[in-house]
Amino acid sequence: SPAGMALSVLVILLLSVLYEAVKMGKAVLLRRALLALPRSLSQEALTEPQQGDSGPTQSSPSLMAFPTFFPRWFWFHVAQTLFHVVQVVLAYMVMLAVMSYNAWIFLGAIVGSTLGYFL
């Protein structure tokens, strides 16, 4: 029916807009995650032995206890992972709709992607 087709095109258009919004949100989150990273990530800087302490066991990274808290950059990485999963799911949904070889669905995906990128 024409109403069903119009609704399908609208849904695909909105999915494409949402895909572009998630892609942009992931880029913004990446920028924030990079700002949250510590300046030095070297294990040597993190595990320097105290003066007077000698012995490889105290400065060995493999013997360090796992921290009881997670740094801020870890939570940004978790959020980026979730954004990536949502982005991939949306991309596959739009791809499956386009693979129906319907010209109107295809145009809905193109217009939605264009509109989402523009916004």
N, C-alpha and C. Protein backbone atom coordinates (compact mmCIF):
# COMPACT_ATOMS: atom_id res chain seq x y z
N SER A 1 0.84 -1.18 0.00
CA SER A 1 0.00 0.00 0.00
C SER A 1 0.89 1.25 0.00
N PRO A 2 0.39 2.32 -0.53
CA PRO A 2 1.18 3.56 -0.56
C PRO A 2 1.52 4.10 0.83
N ALA A 3 0.60 3.96 1.77
CA ALA A 3 0.87 4.45 3.13
C ALA A 3 1.98 3.62 3.79
N GLY A 4 1.96 2.33 3.56
CA GLY A 4 3.00 1.46 4.10
C GLY A 4 4.37 1.77 3.51
N MET A 5 4.39 2.05 2.21
CA MET A 5 5.65 2.40 1.55
C MET A 5 6.18 3.73 2.08
N ALA A 6 5.28 4.71 2.24
CA ALA A 6 5.70 6.02 2.76
C ALA A 6 6.24 5.87 4.18
N LEU A 7 5.60 5.03 4.99
CA LEU A 7 6.07 4.81 6.34
C LEU A 7 7.45 4.11 6.33
N SER A 8 7.63 3.15 5.44
CA SER A 8 8.91 2.46 5.32
C SER A 8 10.03 3.43 4.93
N VAL A 9 9.75 4.28 3.97
CA VAL A 9 10.75 5.26 3.53
C VAL A 9 11.08 6.22 4.68
N LEU A 10 10.06 6.63 5.43
CA LEU A 10 10.28 7.53 6.56
C LEU A 10 11.13 6.85 7.64
N VAL A 11 10.86 5.58 7.92
CA VAL A 11 11.64 4.86 8.93
C VAL A 11 13.10 4.74 8.50
N ILE A 12 13.33 4.41 7.23
CA ILE A 12 14.70 4.29 6.73
C ILE A 12 15.38 5.65 6.75
N LEU A 13 14.65 6.69 6.41
CA LEU A 13 15.21 8.04 6.46
C LEU A 13 15.64 8.37 7.89
N LEU A 14 14.80 8.06 8.88
CA LEU A 14 15.14 8.35 10.27
C LEU A 14 16.30 7.48 10.76
N LEU A 15 16.35 6.22 10.33
CA LEU A 15 17.47 5.37 10.69
C LEU A 15 18.79 5.91 10.13
N SER A 16 18.74 6.43 8.92
CA SER A 16 19.94 7.01 8.32
C SER A 16 20.38 8.28 9.05
N VAL A 17 19.42 9.09 9.44
CA VAL A 17 19.74 10.30 10.22
C VAL A 17 20.34 9.89 11.56
N LEU A 18 19.77 8.89 12.20
CA LEU A 18 20.28 8.42 13.48
C LEU A 18 21.69 7.84 13.34
N TYR A 19 21.94 7.14 12.23
CA TYR A 19 23.27 6.60 11.98
C TYR A 19 24.31 7.73 11.91
N GLU A 20 23.98 8.78 11.18
CA GLU A 20 24.91 9.92 11.08
C GLU A 20 25.09 10.62 12.42
N ALA A 21 24.02 10.70 13.22
CA ALA A 21 24.13 11.32 14.54
C ALA A 21 25.03 10.50 15.45
N VAL A 22 24.90 9.18 15.40
CA VAL A 22 25.75 8.32 16.23
C VAL A 22 27.20 8.42 15.77
N LYS A 23 27.40 8.50 14.47
CA LYS A 23 28.77 8.64 13.94
C LYS A 23 29.40 9.94 14.44
N MET A 24 28.64 11.00 14.44
CA MET A 24 29.16 12.28 14.92
C MET A 24 29.38 12.25 16.43
N GLY A 25 28.46 11.63 17.15
CA GLY A 25 28.62 11.51 18.60
C GLY A 25 29.85 10.70 18.97
N LYS A 26 30.15 9.69 18.17
CA LYS A 26 31.34 8.89 18.41
C LYS A 26 32.61 9.71 18.20
N ALA A 27 32.61 10.58 17.22
CA ALA A 27 33.77 11.45 16.97
C ALA A 27 33.96 12.44 18.12
N VAL A 28 32.87 13.00 18.63
CA VAL A 28 32.96 13.93 19.75
C VAL A 28 33.47 13.21 20.99
N LEU A 29 32.99 11.99 21.20
CA LEU A 29 33.43 11.21 22.34
C LEU A 29 34.90 10.84 22.23
N LEU A 30 35.37 10.58 21.02
CA LEU A 30 36.79 10.28 20.82
C LEU A 30 37.64 11.48 21.20
N ARG A 31 37.21 12.67 20.83
CA ARG A 31 37.95 13.87 21.18
C ARG A 31 38.01 14.05 22.69
N ARG A 32 36.90 13.82 23.36
CA ARG A 32 36.88 13.94 24.82
C ARG A 32 37.75 12.87 25.48
N ALA A 33 37.74 11.67 24.90
CA ALA A 33 38.56 10.58 25.45
C ALA A 33 40.04 10.90 25.31
N LEU A 34 40.43 11.47 24.20
CA LEU A 34 41.82 11.82 24.00
C LEU A 34 42.27 12.91 24.98
N LEU A 35 41.36 13.81 25.31
CA LEU A 35 41.69 14.85 26.29
C LEU A 35 41.77 14.27 27.70
N ALA A 36 41.08 13.15 27.95
CA ALA A 36 41.08 12.55 29.29
C ALA A 36 42.26 11.63 29.52
N LEU A 37 42.99 11.28 28.47
CA LEU A 37 44.14 10.40 28.63
C LEU A 37 45.23 11.10 29.43
N PRO A 38 45.93 10.33 30.26
CA PRO A 38 47.07 10.95 30.96
C PRO A 38 48.17 11.30 29.98
N ARG A 39 49.01 12.24 30.36
CA ARG A 39 50.07 12.70 29.45
C ARG A 39 51.09 11.61 29.19
N SER A 40 51.39 10.79 30.18
CA SER A 40 52.37 9.73 30.01
C SER A 40 51.71 8.38 30.28
N LEU A 41 51.81 7.49 29.33
CA LEU A 41 51.23 6.16 29.49
C LEU A 41 52.29 5.09 29.72
N SER A 42 53.53 5.50 29.95
CA SER A 42 54.59 4.51 30.09
C SER A 42 54.48 3.81 31.44
N GLN A 43 54.71 2.51 31.42
CA GLN A 43 54.69 1.75 32.67
C GLN A 43 55.82 2.17 33.60
N GLU A 44 56.95 2.58 33.00
CA GLU A 44 58.07 2.99 33.83
C GLU A 44 57.70 4.21 34.68
N ALA A 45 56.97 5.14 34.09
CA ALA A 45 56.57 6.33 34.82
C ALA A 45 55.55 6.00 35.90
N LEU A 46 54.75 4.97 35.64
CA LEU A 46 53.72 4.62 36.61
C LEU A 46 54.24 3.73 37.72
N THR A 47 55.33 3.01 37.46
CA THR A 47 55.80 2.02 38.44
C THR A 47 57.22 2.31 38.91
N GLU A 48 57.59 3.58 39.00
CA GLU A 48 58.94 3.91 39.48
C GLU A 48 59.09 3.47 40.92
N PRO A 49 60.18 2.77 41.24
CA PRO A 49 60.38 2.34 42.63
C PRO A 49 60.71 3.53 43.52
N GLN A 50 60.37 3.41 44.77
CA GLN A 50 60.70 4.45 45.75
C GLN A 50 62.20 4.43 46.02
N GLN A 51 62.74 5.52 46.48
CA GLN A 51 64.17 5.55 46.80
C GLN A 51 64.45 4.62 47.96
N GLY A 52 65.50 3.86 47.83
CA GLY A 52 65.84 2.91 48.87
C GLY A 52 65.26 1.53 48.61
N ASP A 53 64.25 1.44 47.77
CA ASP A 53 63.69 0.14 47.43
C ASP A 53 64.46 -0.41 46.25
N SER A 54 64.95 -1.60 46.40
CA SER A 54 65.61 -2.23 45.27
C SER A 54 65.00 -3.60 45.12
N GLY A 55 64.96 -4.04 43.91
CA GLY A 55 64.38 -5.34 43.65
C GLY A 55 63.40 -5.25 42.51
N PRO A 56 63.45 -6.22 41.64
CA PRO A 56 62.60 -6.17 40.46
C PRO A 56 61.14 -6.45 40.76
N THR A 57 60.83 -7.03 41.91
CA THR A 57 59.44 -7.39 42.15
C THR A 57 58.56 -6.17 42.40
N GLN A 58 59.12 -5.10 42.93
CA GLN A 58 58.28 -3.95 43.23
C GLN A 58 58.04 -3.06 42.02
N SER A 59 58.91 -3.15 41.03
CA SER A 59 58.71 -2.31 39.86
C SER A 59 58.22 -3.11 38.66
N SER A 60 57.95 -4.37 38.86
CA SER A 60 57.52 -5.22 37.75
C SER A 60 56.05 -4.98 37.46
N PRO A 61 55.71 -4.55 36.23
CA PRO A 61 54.31 -4.28 35.91
C PRO A 61 53.44 -5.53 35.98
N SER A 62 54.02 -6.71 35.76
CA SER A 62 53.21 -7.92 35.77
C SER A 62 52.76 -8.29 37.18
N LEU A 63 53.47 -7.79 38.20
CA LEU A 63 53.11 -8.11 39.56
C LEU A 63 52.30 -7.02 40.24
N MET A 64 51.98 -5.97 39.50
CA MET A 64 51.18 -4.90 40.08
C MET A 64 49.75 -5.37 40.28
N ALA A 65 49.13 -4.91 41.34
CA ALA A 65 47.74 -5.25 41.58
C ALA A 65 46.86 -4.46 40.63
N PHE A 66 45.75 -5.07 40.21
CA PHE A 66 44.81 -4.37 39.33
C PHE A 66 44.17 -3.25 40.12
N PRO A 67 44.11 -2.04 39.56
CA PRO A 67 43.54 -0.93 40.33
C PRO A 67 42.07 -1.18 40.66
N THR A 68 41.65 -0.68 41.79
CA THR A 68 40.27 -0.89 42.22
C THR A 68 39.31 0.11 41.57
N PHE A 69 39.82 1.08 40.89
CA PHE A 69 38.97 2.06 40.20
C PHE A 69 39.37 2.09 38.73
N PHE A 70 38.49 2.59 37.93
CA PHE A 70 38.78 2.74 36.51
C PHE A 70 38.95 4.21 36.21
N PRO A 71 39.99 4.57 35.49
CA PRO A 71 40.18 5.99 35.16
C PRO A 71 39.09 6.48 34.20
N ARG A 72 39.02 7.78 34.11
CA ARG A 72 37.99 8.41 33.28
C ARG A 72 38.07 8.00 31.83
N TRP A 73 39.29 7.84 31.31
CA TRP A 73 39.43 7.47 29.90
C TRP A 73 38.86 6.09 29.64
N PHE A 74 38.85 5.20 30.64
CA PHE A 74 38.28 3.86 30.46
C PHE A 74 36.79 3.95 30.18
N TRP A 75 36.10 4.81 30.92
CA TRP A 75 34.65 4.94 30.71
C TRP A 75 34.35 5.58 29.36
N PHE A 76 35.21 6.47 28.89
CA PHE A 76 35.04 7.01 27.54
C PHE A 76 35.20 5.89 26.52
N HIS A 77 36.13 4.98 26.77
CA HIS A 77 36.34 3.87 25.84
C HIS A 77 35.13 2.93 25.84
N VAL A 78 34.54 2.69 27.00
CA VAL A 78 33.33 1.87 27.08
C VAL A 78 32.20 2.53 26.29
N ALA A 79 32.04 3.83 26.46
CA ALA A 79 30.99 4.56 25.73
C ALA A 79 31.25 4.52 24.23
N GLN A 80 32.51 4.65 23.82
CA GLN A 80 32.83 4.57 22.39
C GLN A 80 32.50 3.20 21.84
N THR A 81 32.75 2.16 22.62
CA THR A 81 32.43 0.81 22.18
C THR A 81 30.93 0.65 21.99
N LEU A 82 30.15 1.16 22.92
CA LEU A 82 28.69 1.07 22.78
C LEU A 82 28.20 1.88 21.58
N PHE A 83 28.77 3.05 21.38
CA PHE A 83 28.41 3.85 20.20
C PHE A 83 28.74 3.08 18.92
N HIS A 84 29.87 2.39 18.92
CA HIS A 84 30.27 1.64 17.73
C HIS A 84 29.29 0.50 17.45
N VAL A 85 28.85 -0.19 18.50
CA VAL A 85 27.89 -1.28 18.32
C VAL A 85 26.59 -0.74 17.75
N VAL A 86 26.11 0.36 18.29
CA VAL A 86 24.87 0.97 17.77
C VAL A 86 25.05 1.40 16.32
N GLN A 87 26.21 1.97 16.00
CA GLN A 87 26.47 2.42 14.64
C GLN A 87 26.48 1.24 13.66
N VAL A 88 27.09 0.14 14.04
CA VAL A 88 27.15 -1.03 13.16
C VAL A 88 25.76 -1.63 12.97
N VAL A 89 24.99 -1.72 14.04
CA VAL A 89 23.63 -2.27 13.93
C VAL A 89 22.79 -1.40 13.01
N LEU A 90 22.86 -0.09 13.18
CA LEU A 90 22.09 0.81 12.31
C LEU A 90 22.55 0.69 10.86
N ALA A 91 23.85 0.59 10.65
CA ALA A 91 24.36 0.48 9.28
C ALA A 91 23.86 -0.79 8.61
N TYR A 92 23.85 -1.90 9.34
CA TYR A 92 23.36 -3.15 8.76
C TYR A 92 21.87 -3.10 8.50
N MET A 93 21.11 -2.44 9.37
CA MET A 93 19.67 -2.32 9.14
C MET A 93 19.39 -1.51 7.87
N VAL A 94 20.09 -0.40 7.71
CA VAL A 94 19.90 0.41 6.51
C VAL A 94 20.36 -0.36 5.27
N MET A 95 21.48 -1.09 5.39
CA MET A 95 21.98 -1.87 4.26
C MET A 95 20.96 -2.94 3.85
N LEU A 96 20.38 -3.62 4.82
CA LEU A 96 19.39 -4.65 4.50
C LEU A 96 18.16 -4.05 3.83
N ALA A 97 17.77 -2.87 4.26
CA ALA A 97 16.63 -2.21 3.62
C ALA A 97 16.96 -1.82 2.19
N VAL A 98 18.16 -1.31 1.98
CA VAL A 98 18.57 -0.92 0.63
C VAL A 98 18.67 -2.14 -0.27
N MET A 99 19.06 -3.28 0.29
CA MET A 99 19.20 -4.50 -0.50
C MET A 99 17.85 -5.08 -0.93
N SER A 100 16.76 -4.43 -0.55
CA SER A 100 15.45 -4.84 -1.06
C SER A 100 15.28 -4.38 -2.51
N TYR A 101 16.23 -3.59 -3.01
CA TYR A 101 16.25 -3.09 -4.39
C TYR A 101 15.00 -2.28 -4.73
N ASN A 102 14.53 -1.54 -3.73
CA ASN A 102 13.41 -0.64 -3.94
C ASN A 102 13.99 0.76 -4.07
N ALA A 103 13.66 1.44 -5.16
CA ALA A 103 14.22 2.76 -5.42
C ALA A 103 13.81 3.77 -4.36
N TRP A 104 12.59 3.70 -3.86
CA TRP A 104 12.14 4.66 -2.86
C TRP A 104 12.87 4.46 -1.54
N ILE A 105 13.08 3.21 -1.16
CA ILE A 105 13.84 2.92 0.07
C ILE A 105 15.27 3.43 -0.08
N PHE A 106 15.84 3.19 -1.25
CA PHE A 106 17.20 3.65 -1.52
C PHE A 106 17.28 5.17 -1.41
N LEU A 107 16.33 5.87 -2.01
CA LEU A 107 16.32 7.34 -1.93
C LEU A 107 16.11 7.81 -0.49
N GLY A 108 15.28 7.10 0.27
CA GLY A 108 15.09 7.44 1.68
C GLY A 108 16.39 7.33 2.46
N ALA A 109 17.18 6.28 2.17
CA ALA A 109 18.47 6.11 2.85
C ALA A 109 19.44 7.22 2.46
N ILE A 110 19.46 7.58 1.18
CA ILE A 110 20.36 8.64 0.72
C ILE A 110 19.96 9.99 1.30
N VAL A 111 18.68 10.31 1.28
CA VAL A 111 18.22 11.59 1.81
C VAL A 111 18.44 11.64 3.33
N GLY A 112 18.20 10.54 4.02
CA GLY A 112 18.42 10.51 5.46
C GLY A 112 19.89 10.68 5.82
N SER A 113 20.76 10.04 5.05
CA SER A 113 22.19 10.18 5.30
C SER A 113 22.64 11.62 5.03
N THR A 114 22.14 12.21 3.97
CA THR A 114 22.48 13.59 3.65
C THR A 114 21.96 14.55 4.72
N LEU A 115 20.73 14.35 5.13
CA LEU A 115 20.13 15.20 6.15
C LEU A 115 20.85 15.03 7.49
N GLY A 116 21.19 13.80 7.84
CA GLY A 116 21.90 13.56 9.09
C GLY A 116 23.27 14.18 9.10
N TYR A 117 23.97 14.12 7.99
CA TYR A 117 25.29 14.74 7.91
C TYR A 117 25.19 16.26 7.98
N PHE A 118 24.14 16.80 7.35
CA PHE A 118 23.94 18.25 7.33
C PHE A 118 23.66 18.78 8.73
N LEU A 119 22.85 18.03 9.49
CA LEU A 119 22.49 18.47 10.84
C LEU A 119 23.68 18.33 11.75
